[in-house]
Amino acid sequence: MCRIILLLCALLLSDGAFSQNKYWVFLKDKKGSTFNPYEYFDKLAIKRRLKQGINLFDSTDFPLCDDYVKKIAALADSVSWSTRWFNAIAVYADEEKINTISQLPFVKQIKPMDNYFKTASLKNINTELSDTDKDLLKGQIKSLQGDFFINNKYDAKGIRIAILDAGFSYSDNCDALDHIYLRKGVIETYDFYKKSSNVYKHDTHGTQVFCCLAGIFDSVNVGLAAGAEFLLGRTEDAMNERMADEEYWLAGLEWADKMGAKIVSSSLGHAWWFYFTENMDGKTSIVSRAANMAARKGMLVVTAAGNEGNNPNWKYILTPADADSALSIGGISHSTGIHIGFSSYGPTADGRMKPNVCAYGEVLSFDDEDEFVEGTSFACPLVAGFAACVWQKFPDYTNMQLFHEIEKSASLYPYYDYAHGFGVPQASYFFDKTMQMPDTTFDFEFKTGCVEIIVREKYINDKCAKADIMYAHVENEKGKLVEYFVWEVTEKKVKRFYLNISNFFVDTDKDRDLKEGYKVMVYYKGFVNTYIVK
């Protein structure tokens, strides 16, 4: 019943399923279109493709057939953006007109488009910059070991980053971003709603994200990519979410590609207001398909996991964070260092691990004032700035090499779960990759019906106010997590943890046998070990 109500709500948000609506019109071919990549692409886009061995004459970059577009435009009420990557045009039309368009011999498919994006941020909390706030400001970079980049003069210089967001009010008049504008580090801006270059109104969300990517306040880094170049694209309307269609994000992504972006940072997403959880499979939504296409073009797409973790009817990852090739970022609390309640959980509908990594979901950021803000919206640009510094240090990485190296650098790797992914990326990994075997910090013991995890005495910290954390998960025979846990290890008496494995028995004709292939993986103080349930 809940699924039916959700779908009805999505339909009721439209102007009416059978009145004038918005559609994608997909075309069968690109008959007669010509393409010169050296005229179309920015030189940095050419360089990105050549460096990664990507074809400059890929048909997905060719323009749509002009004759087809004209014939569709003559029949529709109006046309909006088109997409080269998917050979489609967005149109407004009523049912009668869209039926006529569907009969055109060059039309492959018609899909209604009535969904909208939502920023992955929560309510802003205004605050004066206290000593506690300053500690938070330093902590959001310290958690990533960002001083390794800062002290070694890596600031993402030479990396072009596109930010797709809801608006950038005060960005050009924000103290924390002055250093960007003084050196003319914003290369181009575009509002895909208004078809205008002015993005400095409508919303401050993009400004706060921008600061988490590249800001510097009072000589303290808010983000790590202070030396990068930026493209600012407004692709979402926070004041009128009903009309914030996916087409603008797709158009923004194609624009970022054309303009030579190497990294895209996006804190926008779709969830229960249009989709079911089974749609979060990385291939249903056009934005997840677009994120994967962007990866094919050599870009790293960094996207927020979403803020549905406390939603009892959803909880799950957003799209395009469900895309296989999108680096999806979850949120952790600055006070505990573990998953913060609102951060969306994985996995994807088809069982893939998400989020990939995580960062602070509570940060200090700036627009026209200092603000404590919450949401995976801000974890996302922290990691995007981190990625930009890595790419500056290792310019020969492909985008997907960078993707996987960031995962490997994370604090929990090779342990993972659906709340933290592989943990928080750590800059030290990129300065010293020599693998040191960690000390054994715990042992396993099997007892009837349970696995006991025993912390070794010397690794129990009973003097520190902040608890040490043990992570554990149980995988089934297909490698998917069936349960995962986070435990605090604070006192000597808290040294044994029990996993009940009675749920992993299967009844047979004669007895109860353990299911084949189940295993327990545990992480504590850098040591990871696996127990095969048998």
Protein backbone atom coordinates (compact mmCIF):
# COMPACT_ATOMS: atom_id res chain seq x y z
CA MET A 1 0.00 0.00 0.00
CA CYS A 2 2.85 2.39 0.89
CA ARG A 3 4.38 1.91 -2.58
CA ILE A 4 1.06 2.78 -4.24
CA ILE A 5 0.66 5.93 -2.14
CA LEU A 6 4.18 7.07 -3.01
CA LEU A 7 3.49 6.67 -6.71
CA LEU A 8 0.18 8.53 -6.44
CA CYS A 9 1.95 11.37 -4.62
CA ALA A 10 4.47 11.60 -7.43
CA LEU A 11 1.70 11.77 -10.02
CA LEU A 12 -0.27 14.36 -8.07
CA LEU A 13 2.79 16.59 -8.02
CA SER A 14 2.56 16.86 -11.80
CA ASP A 15 0.38 19.30 -13.70
CA GLY A 16 -1.77 16.35 -14.56
CA ALA A 17 -0.73 13.09 -16.13
CA PHE A 18 -2.80 13.67 -19.23
CA SER A 19 -2.58 17.45 -19.69
CA GLN A 20 0.39 19.32 -21.03
CA ASN A 21 3.46 17.67 -19.63
CA LYS A 22 7.15 17.34 -20.22
CA TYR A 23 8.66 14.43 -22.12
CA TRP A 24 11.92 13.05 -23.37
CA VAL A 25 11.72 12.27 -27.07
CA PHE A 26 14.46 9.78 -27.93
CA LEU A 27 15.58 9.60 -31.56
CA LYS A 28 16.66 6.59 -33.60
CA ASP A 29 19.77 8.10 -35.17
CA LYS A 30 21.73 11.30 -35.85
CA LYS A 31 21.26 11.29 -39.59
CA GLY A 32 23.35 13.87 -41.41
CA SER A 33 24.95 15.42 -38.31
CA THR A 34 28.61 16.43 -38.50
CA PHE A 35 31.06 16.96 -35.68
CA ASN A 36 34.45 18.60 -35.21
CA PRO A 37 35.67 17.96 -31.64
CA TYR A 38 38.37 20.64 -31.93
CA GLU A 39 35.71 23.27 -32.57
CA TYR A 40 33.21 21.98 -30.02
CA PHE A 41 35.33 21.11 -26.98
CA ASP A 42 37.43 23.31 -24.75
CA LYS A 43 41.12 22.43 -25.08
CA LEU A 44 41.08 20.93 -21.59
CA ALA A 45 38.31 18.54 -22.65
CA ILE A 46 40.44 17.47 -25.62
CA LYS A 47 43.43 17.00 -23.33
CA ARG A 48 41.38 14.94 -20.85
CA ARG A 49 40.17 12.62 -23.57
CA LEU A 50 43.54 12.15 -25.24
CA LYS A 51 45.28 11.51 -21.91
CA GLN A 52 42.81 8.77 -21.04
CA GLY A 53 42.63 7.25 -24.52
CA ILE A 54 39.02 8.31 -25.12
CA ASN A 55 37.74 8.57 -28.69
CA LEU A 56 37.35 12.20 -29.82
CA PHE A 57 34.79 11.17 -32.43
CA ASP A 58 32.38 9.20 -30.24
CA SER A 59 28.91 9.34 -31.80
CA THR A 60 27.38 10.22 -28.41
CA ASP A 61 29.04 13.64 -28.75
CA PHE A 62 27.58 14.34 -32.18
CA PRO A 63 24.74 16.89 -32.32
CA LEU A 64 21.15 15.84 -32.90
CA CYS A 65 19.82 15.79 -36.43
CA ASP A 66 18.67 19.36 -37.04
CA ASP A 67 15.83 18.28 -39.35
CA TYR A 68 14.42 15.94 -36.68
CA VAL A 69 14.56 18.68 -34.05
CA LYS A 70 12.73 21.15 -36.31
CA LYS A 71 9.92 18.68 -37.08
CA ILE A 72 9.43 17.88 -33.39
CA ALA A 73 9.51 21.57 -32.46
CA ALA A 74 6.77 22.28 -35.02
CA LEU A 75 4.47 19.74 -33.35
CA ALA A 76 5.24 20.36 -29.66
CA ASP A 77 4.05 23.31 -27.59
CA SER A 78 7.69 24.13 -26.88
CA VAL A 79 11.11 22.50 -26.67
CA SER A 80 13.65 22.75 -23.90
CA TRP A 81 17.12 21.22 -23.64
CA SER A 82 18.44 18.40 -25.80
CA THR A 83 21.01 15.76 -24.92
CA ARG A 84 23.71 14.65 -27.33
CA TRP A 85 24.73 11.77 -25.08
CA PHE A 86 21.30 10.11 -25.24
CA ASN A 87 20.11 11.54 -28.57
CA ALA A 88 16.94 13.05 -27.12
CA ILE A 89 15.07 16.32 -26.85
CA ALA A 90 12.91 17.57 -23.98
CA VAL A 91 9.50 18.90 -25.05
CA TYR A 92 6.29 20.28 -23.56
CA ALA A 93 3.19 18.79 -25.15
CA ASP A 94 -0.31 17.58 -24.38
CA GLU A 95 -1.35 13.98 -24.86
CA GLU A 96 -2.60 14.47 -28.41
CA LYS A 97 0.57 16.20 -29.57
CA ILE A 98 2.89 13.73 -27.93
CA ASN A 99 1.00 10.88 -29.59
CA THR A 100 1.53 12.59 -32.95
CA ILE A 101 5.24 13.03 -32.23
CA SER A 102 5.54 9.37 -31.26
CA GLN A 103 4.38 8.40 -34.76
CA LEU A 104 7.27 10.15 -36.48
CA PRO A 105 9.46 7.54 -38.21
CA PHE A 106 12.68 8.77 -36.58
CA VAL A 107 11.31 8.72 -33.00
CA LYS A 108 12.54 5.73 -31.01
CA GLN A 109 10.85 6.24 -27.63
CA ILE A 110 8.85 8.72 -25.54
CA LYS A 111 9.32 8.98 -21.77
CA PRO A 112 7.41 11.33 -19.45
CA MET A 113 9.57 13.60 -17.33
CA ASP A 114 8.01 14.90 -14.15
CA ASN A 115 10.58 14.36 -11.45
CA TYR A 116 12.67 16.89 -9.59
CA PHE A 117 15.95 17.19 -7.76
CA LYS A 118 16.46 18.09 -4.14
CA THR A 119 19.55 19.41 -2.42
CA ALA A 120 21.13 16.96 0.02
CA SER A 121 21.27 19.48 2.86
CA LEU A 122 19.28 20.05 6.01
CA LYS A 123 18.29 23.23 7.83
CA ASN A 124 21.09 25.76 8.22
CA ILE A 125 21.94 26.87 11.73
CA ASN A 126 23.35 30.39 11.95
CA THR A 127 26.14 30.86 14.44
CA GLU A 128 28.92 33.19 15.38
CA LEU A 129 32.42 31.80 14.88
CA SER A 130 33.24 30.48 18.37
CA ASP A 131 36.32 28.52 19.39
CA THR A 132 34.26 25.35 19.01
CA ASP A 133 33.36 26.35 15.46
CA LYS A 134 37.02 26.95 14.68
CA ASP A 135 37.82 23.47 15.93
CA LEU A 136 35.11 22.08 13.65
CA LEU A 137 36.50 24.05 10.72
CA LYS A 138 39.94 22.55 11.27
CA GLY A 139 38.47 19.12 11.96
CA GLN A 140 36.65 18.76 8.65
CA ILE A 141 40.02 18.94 6.87
CA LYS A 142 41.97 17.12 9.57
CA SER A 143 39.62 14.13 9.30
CA LEU A 144 40.84 13.73 5.69
CA GLN A 145 44.48 14.27 6.77
CA GLY A 146 44.31 17.29 4.49
CA ASP A 147 47.44 18.83 6.02
CA PHE A 148 49.44 16.38 3.91
CA PHE A 149 48.23 18.21 0.82
CA ILE A 150 48.41 21.69 2.33
CA ASN A 151 51.95 21.28 3.70
CA ASN A 152 53.19 19.81 0.42
CA LYS A 153 51.65 22.63 -1.67
CA TYR A 154 48.92 20.57 -3.33
CA ASP A 155 45.84 22.75 -3.79
CA ALA A 156 44.30 21.25 -6.98
CA LYS A 157 46.04 23.75 -9.25
CA GLY A 158 45.45 22.80 -12.89
CA ILE A 159 42.26 20.85 -12.12
CA ARG A 160 38.98 22.21 -13.48
CA ILE A 161 35.96 21.39 -11.30
CA ALA A 162 32.28 21.86 -12.16
CA ILE A 163 29.80 22.45 -9.35
CA LEU A 164 26.17 21.71 -10.24
CA ASP A 165 23.84 23.18 -7.64
CA ALA A 166 20.81 25.33 -6.82
CA GLY A 167 22.44 28.78 -6.93
CA PHE A 168 25.53 30.64 -5.83
CA SER A 169 24.25 33.76 -4.07
CA TYR A 170 27.08 35.77 -2.46
CA SER A 171 29.80 33.53 -3.95
CA ASP A 172 31.36 36.55 -5.65
CA ASN A 173 31.15 38.52 -2.39
CA CYS A 174 32.14 35.87 0.15
CA ASP A 175 35.30 36.36 2.21
CA ALA A 176 36.08 32.65 2.15
CA LEU A 177 36.09 32.65 -1.68
CA ASP A 178 37.87 35.97 -2.32
CA HIS A 179 41.08 34.20 -3.31
CA ILE A 180 39.22 32.38 -6.11
CA TYR A 181 37.74 35.52 -7.65
CA LEU A 182 40.89 37.63 -7.22
CA ARG A 183 42.77 35.24 -9.50
CA LYS A 184 39.78 34.85 -11.84
CA GLY A 185 39.45 31.20 -10.90
CA VAL A 186 35.77 30.97 -11.93
CA ILE A 187 36.07 30.25 -15.64
CA GLU A 188 32.41 30.19 -16.64
CA THR A 189 28.94 30.22 -15.08
CA TYR A 190 25.56 29.19 -16.44
CA ASP A 191 21.98 29.10 -15.17
CA PHE A 192 20.25 26.28 -17.02
CA TYR A 193 16.82 27.49 -15.89
CA LYS A 194 17.11 31.06 -17.04
CA LYS A 195 19.57 30.33 -19.89
CA SER A 196 21.70 33.09 -18.45
CA SER A 197 25.26 33.44 -17.18
CA ASN A 198 24.11 34.93 -13.87
CA VAL A 199 24.17 32.26 -11.16
CA TYR A 200 24.68 34.66 -8.25
CA LYS A 201 21.13 34.58 -6.93
CA HIS A 202 18.27 32.20 -6.10
CA ASP A 203 20.07 30.16 -3.41
CA THR A 204 23.12 30.09 -1.14
CA HIS A 205 23.44 26.30 -1.15
CA GLY A 206 25.92 26.29 -4.01
CA THR A 207 28.01 28.91 -2.23
CA GLN A 208 28.25 26.76 0.90
CA VAL A 209 29.22 23.78 -1.26
CA PHE A 210 31.79 25.92 -3.10
CA CYS A 211 33.36 26.88 0.24
CA CYS A 212 33.59 23.22 1.29
CA LEU A 213 35.44 22.57 -1.94
CA ALA A 214 37.82 25.50 -2.04
CA GLY A 215 37.18 28.03 0.71
CA ILE A 216 39.82 29.60 2.95
CA PHE A 217 38.73 31.54 6.03
CA ASP A 218 41.12 33.35 8.35
CA SER A 219 44.00 31.35 6.79
CA VAL A 220 42.25 28.06 7.57
CA ASN A 221 41.16 25.79 4.72
CA VAL A 222 37.42 25.14 4.54
CA GLY A 223 38.06 22.86 1.53
CA LEU A 224 41.18 21.50 -0.16
CA ALA A 225 40.83 22.65 -3.79
CA ALA A 226 41.76 26.32 -3.25
CA GLY A 227 43.93 26.41 -6.38
CA ALA A 228 41.49 24.80 -8.84
CA GLU A 229 39.50 26.38 -11.67
CA PHE A 230 35.73 26.32 -11.44
CA LEU A 231 32.60 26.09 -13.56
CA LEU A 232 29.41 27.03 -11.69
CA GLY A 233 26.17 25.61 -13.07
CA ARG A 234 22.71 26.23 -11.65
CA THR A 235 20.75 23.05 -12.39
CA GLU A 236 18.18 22.97 -9.58
CA ASP A 237 15.54 25.42 -8.35
CA ALA A 238 15.20 25.12 -4.59
CA MET A 239 12.30 27.59 -4.56
CA ASN A 240 10.26 25.68 -7.12
CA GLU A 241 11.32 22.05 -6.85
CA ARG A 242 8.33 20.85 -8.84
CA MET A 243 9.91 22.26 -12.00
CA ALA A 244 13.51 21.26 -11.27
CA ASP A 245 13.66 18.52 -13.89
CA GLU A 246 16.49 16.08 -14.42
CA GLU A 247 17.14 17.58 -17.84
CA TYR A 248 18.97 20.56 -16.32
CA TRP A 249 21.39 18.34 -14.44
CA LEU A 250 22.03 16.31 -17.57
CA ALA A 251 22.54 19.52 -19.57
CA GLY A 252 24.90 20.76 -16.86
CA LEU A 253 26.91 17.54 -17.00
CA GLU A 254 27.28 17.75 -20.78
CA TRP A 255 28.31 21.41 -20.40
CA ALA A 256 30.91 20.45 -17.79
CA ASP A 257 32.28 17.85 -20.17
CA LYS A 258 32.44 20.33 -23.07
CA MET A 259 34.12 22.97 -20.90
CA GLY A 260 36.91 20.63 -19.81
CA ALA A 261 35.96 19.75 -16.24
CA LYS A 262 37.88 16.83 -14.76
CA ILE A 263 35.72 16.60 -11.64
CA VAL A 264 32.02 17.25 -11.12
CA SER A 265 30.76 17.91 -7.59
CA SER A 266 27.00 17.56 -7.23
CA SER A 267 24.89 17.56 -4.07
CA LEU A 268 21.54 17.00 -5.79
CA GLY A 269 19.42 13.89 -6.09
CA HIS A 270 16.11 12.07 -6.58
CA ALA A 271 14.53 9.67 -4.10
CA TRP A 272 11.09 8.64 -2.80
CA TRP A 273 9.30 11.66 -4.28
CA PHE A 274 9.45 9.99 -7.69
CA TYR A 275 11.10 6.58 -7.42
CA PHE A 276 10.74 3.30 -5.57
CA THR A 277 13.75 1.77 -3.83
CA GLU A 278 14.05 -0.86 -6.55
CA ASN A 279 14.69 1.95 -9.03
CA MET A 280 17.96 2.82 -7.26
CA ASP A 281 19.86 0.37 -9.44
CA GLY A 282 22.18 2.78 -11.27
CA LYS A 283 20.45 2.39 -14.61
CA THR A 284 16.79 3.35 -14.21
CA SER A 285 17.08 7.12 -13.83
CA ILE A 286 18.49 9.17 -16.65
CA VAL A 287 20.72 11.04 -14.19
CA SER A 288 22.42 7.83 -13.04
CA ARG A 289 22.91 6.89 -16.67
CA ALA A 290 24.30 10.37 -17.26
CA ALA A 291 26.75 10.01 -14.36
CA ASN A 292 28.02 6.76 -15.85
CA MET A 293 28.28 8.39 -19.26
CA ALA A 294 30.30 11.25 -17.73
CA ALA A 295 32.71 8.64 -16.37
CA ARG A 296 33.06 7.25 -19.89
CA LYS A 297 34.12 10.75 -20.93
CA GLY A 298 36.93 10.72 -18.35
CA MET A 299 35.36 12.82 -15.60
CA LEU A 300 35.12 11.91 -11.92
CA VAL A 301 31.56 12.50 -10.73
CA VAL A 302 31.38 13.02 -6.94
CA THR A 303 27.85 13.04 -5.58
CA ALA A 304 26.05 13.20 -2.24
CA ALA A 305 24.48 10.00 -0.91
CA GLY A 306 21.41 11.89 0.37
CA ASN A 307 19.77 12.67 3.71
CA GLU A 308 17.08 10.01 3.97
CA GLY A 309 18.73 7.92 6.70
CA ASN A 310 16.12 8.87 9.30
CA ASN A 311 13.21 8.36 6.92
CA PRO A 312 11.56 5.08 8.03
CA ASN A 313 9.90 4.65 4.63
CA TRP A 314 13.06 5.08 2.56
CA LYS A 315 16.55 5.40 4.21
CA TYR A 316 18.26 4.53 0.97
CA ILE A 317 20.76 6.07 -1.39
CA LEU A 318 19.59 8.72 -3.88
CA THR A 319 20.09 8.80 -7.61
CA PRO A 320 22.56 9.60 -9.23
CA ALA A 321 24.48 8.40 -6.14
CA ASP A 322 23.32 4.89 -7.18
CA ALA A 323 25.36 5.08 -10.40
CA ASP A 324 28.12 2.51 -10.56
CA SER A 325 30.75 5.05 -11.66
CA ALA A 326 29.70 7.90 -9.36
CA LEU A 327 31.81 8.33 -6.23
CA SER A 328 29.01 8.51 -3.68
CA ILE A 329 29.69 10.24 -0.37
CA GLY A 330 28.01 9.50 2.95
CA GLY A 331 28.08 11.65 6.09
CA ILE A 332 29.65 11.13 9.52
CA SER A 333 29.30 13.11 12.73
CA HIS A 334 32.19 15.38 13.70
CA SER A 335 31.68 14.46 17.36
CA THR A 336 31.56 10.66 17.08
CA GLY A 337 33.38 10.01 13.80
CA ILE A 338 30.72 7.50 12.72
CA HIS A 339 27.59 7.56 10.57
CA ILE A 340 25.35 10.53 11.21
CA GLY A 341 21.66 9.61 11.40
CA PHE A 342 20.39 11.52 8.37
CA SER A 343 22.97 10.12 5.94
CA SER A 344 21.37 7.71 3.45
CA TYR A 345 22.24 4.04 3.56
CA GLY A 346 23.25 1.64 0.82
CA PRO A 347 23.28 -0.68 -0.89
CA THR A 348 21.87 0.02 -4.32
CA ALA A 349 18.78 -1.89 -5.40
CA ASP A 350 20.97 -4.36 -7.28
CA GLY A 351 23.18 -4.95 -4.25
CA ARG A 352 26.24 -2.79 -4.98
CA MET A 353 28.07 -1.10 -2.14
CA LYS A 354 27.14 2.53 -1.58
CA PRO A 355 28.20 4.98 -0.32
CA ASN A 356 31.78 4.52 -1.51
CA VAL A 357 33.40 6.70 1.17
CA CYS A 358 32.30 9.31 3.71
CA ALA A 359 33.27 12.65 5.26
CA TYR A 360 31.92 15.13 7.79
CA GLY A 361 28.19 15.72 7.29
CA GLU A 362 28.26 18.59 9.78
CA VAL A 363 30.55 21.42 8.70
CA LEU A 364 31.26 25.08 9.06
CA SER A 365 30.70 26.89 5.79
CA PHE A 366 30.04 30.39 4.52
CA ASP A 367 27.91 32.56 2.26
CA ASP A 368 27.09 36.08 3.47
CA GLU A 369 27.70 34.86 7.03
CA ASP A 370 29.27 32.01 8.98
CA GLU A 371 27.00 28.98 9.21
CA PHE A 372 26.96 25.53 10.76
CA VAL A 373 25.32 23.40 8.06
CA GLU A 374 24.37 19.76 7.85
CA GLY A 375 23.90 17.29 5.05
CA THR A 376 25.77 14.97 2.73
CA SER A 377 25.70 18.03 0.44
CA PHE A 378 28.80 19.17 2.32
CA ALA A 379 30.53 15.83 2.73
CA CYS A 380 30.48 15.59 -1.07
CA PRO A 381 32.59 18.70 -1.88
CA LEU A 382 35.04 17.90 0.93
CA VAL A 383 35.85 14.67 -0.91
CA ALA A 384 35.73 16.34 -4.33
CA GLY A 385 38.42 18.78 -3.17
CA PHE A 386 40.42 15.84 -1.78
CA ALA A 387 40.14 14.07 -5.15
CA ALA A 388 41.33 17.17 -7.00
CA CYS A 389 44.50 17.29 -4.89
CA VAL A 390 45.16 13.61 -5.56
CA TRP A 391 44.75 14.17 -9.30
CA GLN A 392 47.17 17.11 -9.15
CA LYS A 393 49.73 14.84 -7.45
CA PHE A 394 49.09 11.91 -9.80
CA PRO A 395 48.16 13.49 -13.17
CA ASP A 396 48.48 10.20 -15.04
CA TYR A 397 45.62 8.55 -13.17
CA THR A 398 42.52 7.85 -15.21
CA ASN A 399 39.29 8.95 -13.56
CA MET A 400 38.44 5.41 -12.52
CA GLN A 401 41.95 4.77 -11.18
CA LEU A 402 41.45 7.87 -9.06
CA PHE A 403 38.02 6.56 -7.98
CA HIS A 404 39.43 3.27 -6.73
CA GLU A 405 42.56 4.79 -5.17
CA ILE A 406 40.35 7.09 -3.09
CA GLU A 407 38.44 4.02 -1.90
CA LYS A 408 41.69 2.25 -1.02
CA SER A 409 42.91 5.29 0.90
CA ALA A 410 39.87 5.31 3.16
CA SER A 411 40.14 4.75 6.90
CA LEU A 412 38.36 1.37 7.06
CA TYR A 413 39.62 -0.25 3.85
CA PRO A 414 39.27 -3.17 3.07
CA TYR A 415 36.42 -3.28 5.58
CA TYR A 416 33.18 -1.64 4.40
CA ASP A 417 29.54 -1.32 5.26
CA TYR A 418 26.45 0.40 3.86
CA ALA A 419 26.68 3.36 6.22
CA HIS A 420 30.34 4.37 5.85
CA GLY A 421 31.47 2.69 2.65
CA PHE A 422 35.24 2.24 3.03
CA GLY A 423 35.40 5.11 5.51
CA VAL A 424 37.01 8.56 5.31
CA PRO A 425 39.68 9.08 2.59
CA GLN A 426 43.14 9.59 4.10
CA ALA A 427 45.73 11.79 2.39
CA SER A 428 48.69 9.95 3.96
CA TYR A 429 47.98 7.00 1.66
CA PHE A 430 49.09 9.06 -1.33
CA PHE A 431 52.40 10.01 0.27
CA ASP A 432 53.47 6.62 1.58
CA LYS A 433 51.89 3.53 0.07
CA THR A 434 54.19 1.06 1.76
CA MET A 435 51.96 -1.45 3.46
CA GLN A 436 52.71 -1.97 7.12
CA MET A 437 51.06 -4.93 8.73
CA PRO A 438 48.89 -3.65 11.60
CA ASP A 439 49.06 -5.24 15.01
CA THR A 440 46.46 -7.86 15.78
CA THR A 441 43.99 -6.03 17.97
CA PHE A 442 41.36 -8.74 18.50
CA ASP A 443 40.73 -12.46 18.18
CA PHE A 444 37.81 -14.63 17.12
CA GLU A 445 36.35 -17.50 19.08
CA PHE A 446 33.45 -19.68 18.00
CA LYS A 447 30.88 -20.69 20.58
CA THR A 448 27.59 -22.48 20.12
CA GLY A 449 25.33 -20.20 18.12
CA CYS A 450 27.66 -17.20 18.13
CA VAL A 451 31.02 -15.75 17.14
CA GLU A 452 32.85 -14.01 20.00
CA ILE A 453 35.19 -11.11 19.20
CA ILE A 454 37.74 -10.58 21.96
CA VAL A 455 39.66 -7.30 22.09
CA ARG A 456 43.27 -7.72 23.15
CA GLU A 457 43.96 -6.09 26.49
CA LYS A 458 46.59 -3.59 25.31
CA TYR A 459 44.19 -2.14 22.71
CA ILE A 460 41.43 -1.17 25.09
CA ASN A 461 41.58 2.53 25.84
CA ASP A 462 39.99 3.37 29.16
CA LYS A 463 41.61 6.80 29.53
CA CYS A 464 40.38 8.65 26.47
CA ALA A 465 37.03 10.43 26.68
CA LYS A 466 36.29 9.61 23.04
CA ALA A 467 35.44 5.96 22.47
CA ASP A 468 37.42 3.73 20.16
CA ILE A 469 35.20 2.16 17.54
CA MET A 470 34.95 -1.42 16.36
CA TYR A 471 33.12 -2.15 13.09
CA ALA A 472 31.71 -5.55 12.12
CA HIS A 473 29.64 -6.95 9.31
CA VAL A 474 28.25 -10.29 8.17
CA GLU A 475 28.37 -11.25 4.48
CA ASN A 476 26.24 -13.90 2.86
CA GLU A 477 27.44 -16.43 0.29
CA LYS A 478 27.05 -13.81 -2.47
CA GLY A 479 29.23 -11.26 -0.72
CA LYS A 480 26.30 -8.99 0.24
CA LEU A 481 26.01 -7.65 3.77
CA VAL A 482 23.15 -9.05 5.81
CA GLU A 483 24.03 -7.20 9.03
CA TYR A 484 26.57 -4.64 10.20
CA PHE A 485 27.43 -3.12 13.55
CA VAL A 486 29.36 -0.33 15.24
CA TRP A 487 30.53 -0.85 18.83
CA GLU A 488 32.24 1.47 21.28
CA VAL A 489 35.28 0.09 23.08
CA THR A 490 35.76 2.34 26.12
CA GLU A 491 36.51 0.31 29.25
CA LYS A 492 38.42 -2.82 30.01
CA LYS A 493 35.25 -4.62 30.92
CA VAL A 494 33.90 -4.00 27.41
CA LYS A 495 36.25 -6.36 25.65
CA ARG A 496 34.00 -9.07 24.26
CA PHE A 497 31.41 -8.69 21.55
CA TYR A 498 29.03 -11.39 20.42
CA LEU A 499 27.51 -12.00 17.01
CA ASN A 500 24.51 -14.30 17.12
CA ILE A 501 24.79 -16.55 14.08
CA SER A 502 21.67 -18.63 14.74
CA ASN A 503 20.01 -16.74 11.89
CA PHE A 504 22.56 -18.25 9.54
CA PHE A 505 21.38 -21.80 10.09
CA VAL A 506 19.20 -23.61 7.59
CA ASP A 507 16.91 -26.48 8.57
CA THR A 508 17.55 -29.79 6.86
CA ASP A 509 15.72 -33.09 7.15
CA LYS A 510 18.09 -34.36 9.84
CA ASP A 511 19.59 -31.32 11.53
CA ARG A 512 20.29 -27.59 11.37
CA ASP A 513 23.36 -26.76 9.28
CA LEU A 514 25.16 -23.46 8.82
CA LYS A 515 24.64 -21.82 5.47
CA GLU A 516 27.64 -22.12 3.17
CA GLY A 517 29.85 -19.10 2.61
CA TYR A 518 28.77 -16.77 5.41
CA LYS A 519 31.58 -14.78 6.96
CA VAL A 520 32.17 -12.12 9.57
CA MET A 521 34.56 -9.21 8.88
CA VAL A 522 35.73 -6.98 11.72
CA TYR A 523 37.79 -3.76 11.81
CA TYR A 524 39.43 -2.35 14.93
CA LYS A 525 42.34 0.11 15.18
CA GLY A 526 43.60 -0.56 11.65
CA PHE A 527 43.40 -4.34 11.88
CA VAL A 528 40.90 -6.19 9.68
CA ASN A 529 40.20 -9.89 9.97
CA THR A 530 37.63 -12.28 8.59
CA TYR A 531 36.00 -15.28 10.26
CA ILE A 532 34.43 -17.90 8.02
CA VAL A 533 31.27 -19.17 9.69
CA LYS A 534 31.41 -22.96 9.76
